[in-house]
Protein backbone atom coordinates (compact mmCIF):
# COMPACT_ATOMS: atom_id res chain seq x y z
CA MET A 1 46.80 12.41 -50.43
CA ALA A 2 45.33 10.87 -53.59
CA VAL A 3 47.45 7.74 -53.30
CA PHE A 4 46.47 7.34 -49.65
CA ALA A 5 42.76 7.72 -50.47
CA HIS A 6 43.03 5.19 -53.30
CA HIS A 7 44.78 2.74 -50.97
CA GLN A 8 41.95 3.07 -48.46
CA VAL A 9 39.30 2.51 -51.15
CA SER A 10 41.20 -0.56 -52.41
CA GLU A 11 41.38 -1.91 -48.87
CA ALA A 12 37.63 -1.39 -48.48
CA ALA A 13 36.98 -3.43 -51.65
CA ARG A 14 39.26 -6.25 -50.46
CA GLU A 15 37.64 -6.37 -47.03
CA GLY A 16 34.18 -6.37 -48.59
CA SER A 17 34.98 -9.31 -50.85
CA ARG A 18 36.55 -11.21 -47.94
CA TYR A 19 33.40 -10.61 -45.90
CA ALA A 20 31.21 -11.92 -48.75
CA MET A 21 33.38 -14.92 -49.65
CA VAL A 22 32.85 -16.61 -46.28
CA ARG A 23 29.11 -15.92 -46.23
CA GLY A 24 27.85 -17.95 -49.18
CA THR A 25 24.85 -20.28 -49.26
CA SER A 26 26.66 -22.99 -47.28
CA CYS A 27 27.15 -20.68 -44.31
CA THR A 28 24.39 -21.45 -41.81
CA ASN A 29 22.52 -18.30 -40.71
CA CYS A 30 25.22 -15.98 -42.04
CA THR A 31 24.60 -15.35 -45.74
CA ALA A 32 25.39 -11.78 -46.80
CA THR A 33 23.16 -9.53 -48.88
CA SER A 34 24.45 -6.59 -50.90
CA ALA A 35 23.07 -4.22 -48.26
CA GLN A 36 24.88 -6.10 -45.47
CA ILE A 37 28.14 -5.97 -47.43
CA GLN A 38 27.74 -2.21 -47.93
CA THR A 39 27.02 -1.74 -44.22
CA TYR A 40 30.10 -3.79 -43.33
CA VAL A 41 32.36 -1.81 -45.67
CA ARG A 42 31.03 1.53 -44.43
CA GLY A 43 31.67 0.41 -40.84
CA LEU A 44 35.38 -0.28 -41.36
CA SER A 45 36.46 3.12 -39.95
CA LEU A 46 39.05 3.82 -42.62
CA PRO A 47 41.22 6.84 -41.80
CA ALA A 48 40.58 10.04 -43.79
CA ILE A 49 37.54 8.50 -45.53
CA ASN A 50 33.96 9.70 -45.08
CA SER A 51 32.36 6.27 -44.90
CA SER A 52 28.86 7.53 -45.72
CA SER A 53 30.17 8.57 -49.17
CA LEU A 54 31.35 5.05 -50.05
CA VAL A 55 29.24 3.43 -52.76
CA VAL A 56 29.53 -0.36 -52.59
CA THR A 57 28.28 -2.57 -55.43
CA THR A 58 28.26 -6.37 -55.16
CA SER A 59 27.93 -8.73 -58.11
CA TYR A 60 28.10 -12.48 -58.46
CA SER A 61 29.11 -14.74 -61.33
CA SER A 62 29.41 -18.44 -61.82
CA TYR A 63 33.04 -19.47 -61.77
CA PRO A 64 35.01 -20.30 -63.92
CA THR A 65 32.61 -19.58 -66.83
CA GLY A 66 32.21 -15.96 -65.77
CA SER A 67 28.55 -15.73 -66.76
CA SER A 68 26.75 -13.18 -64.64
CA CYS A 69 23.80 -14.11 -62.48
CA THR A 70 21.85 -12.87 -59.50
CA PRO A 71 22.12 -14.26 -55.98
CA ASN A 72 18.60 -15.67 -56.40
CA ALA A 73 19.91 -17.88 -59.24
CA ASN A 74 22.22 -19.82 -56.89
CA CYS A 75 25.34 -17.77 -57.56
CA GLU A 76 26.34 -17.54 -53.91
CA ASN A 77 27.47 -21.14 -53.80
CA PRO A 78 30.99 -22.28 -52.91
CA GLY A 79 33.12 -22.01 -56.03
CA ASP A 80 31.22 -19.02 -57.48
CA LEU A 81 32.80 -15.58 -57.73
CA VAL A 82 31.83 -12.49 -55.75
CA THR A 83 33.03 -9.05 -56.86
CA VAL A 84 32.82 -5.99 -54.64
CA GLN A 85 33.35 -2.59 -56.24
CA VAL A 86 33.83 0.52 -54.11
CA ASN A 87 33.53 4.08 -55.43
CA TYR A 88 34.47 7.16 -53.42
CA PRO A 89 34.42 10.85 -54.42
CA SER A 90 37.56 12.14 -52.74
CA SER A 91 37.84 15.91 -52.44
CA PHE A 92 41.19 17.63 -52.17
CA ASN A 93 41.76 21.13 -50.89
CA VAL A 94 45.31 22.29 -51.47
CA PRO A 95 46.30 25.91 -50.86
CA PHE A 96 46.46 28.01 -54.05
CA VAL A 97 44.87 25.23 -56.11
CA PRO A 98 41.15 25.02 -56.93
CA ALA A 99 39.28 22.35 -54.98
CA THR A 100 39.17 19.09 -56.89
CA VAL A 101 37.07 15.94 -56.59
CA LEU A 102 38.70 12.72 -57.74
CA ASN A 103 36.53 9.63 -58.08
CA MET A 104 38.40 6.71 -56.57
CA ASN A 105 37.34 3.25 -57.77
CA ALA A 106 38.54 -0.18 -56.73
CA SER A 107 37.20 -3.69 -57.03
CA SER A 108 38.08 -7.06 -55.59
CA SER A 109 36.92 -10.52 -56.64
CA MET A 110 37.16 -13.70 -54.60
CA VAL A 111 35.85 -17.23 -54.91
CA ILE A 112 33.14 -18.02 -52.35
CA SER A 113 34.52 -20.57 -49.91
CA GLN A 114 31.43 -21.61 -47.95
């Protein structure tokens, strides 16, 4: 169950970074904010995942130098890097074992294409 949950969280991070990479500053009327990326990831309908518990964090950096910056500092341009990190508190209830919460974390980085 833990491996399945981690796979789903990893998939959410990959899908979030794919969504952001095609919505950079060169995309007419389709740039993506951090809130829009979180809404997109939460709307993926991943099996066995409570989407309202997903915490999605988006960060940008100039590529290839790796220096961090904010989207307002022109870091959403083609060639810059977007990183989407997804955190999920996954609870497991197994008979005869105390209930456990495992924090699943995954991140994905992609170069903005447009």
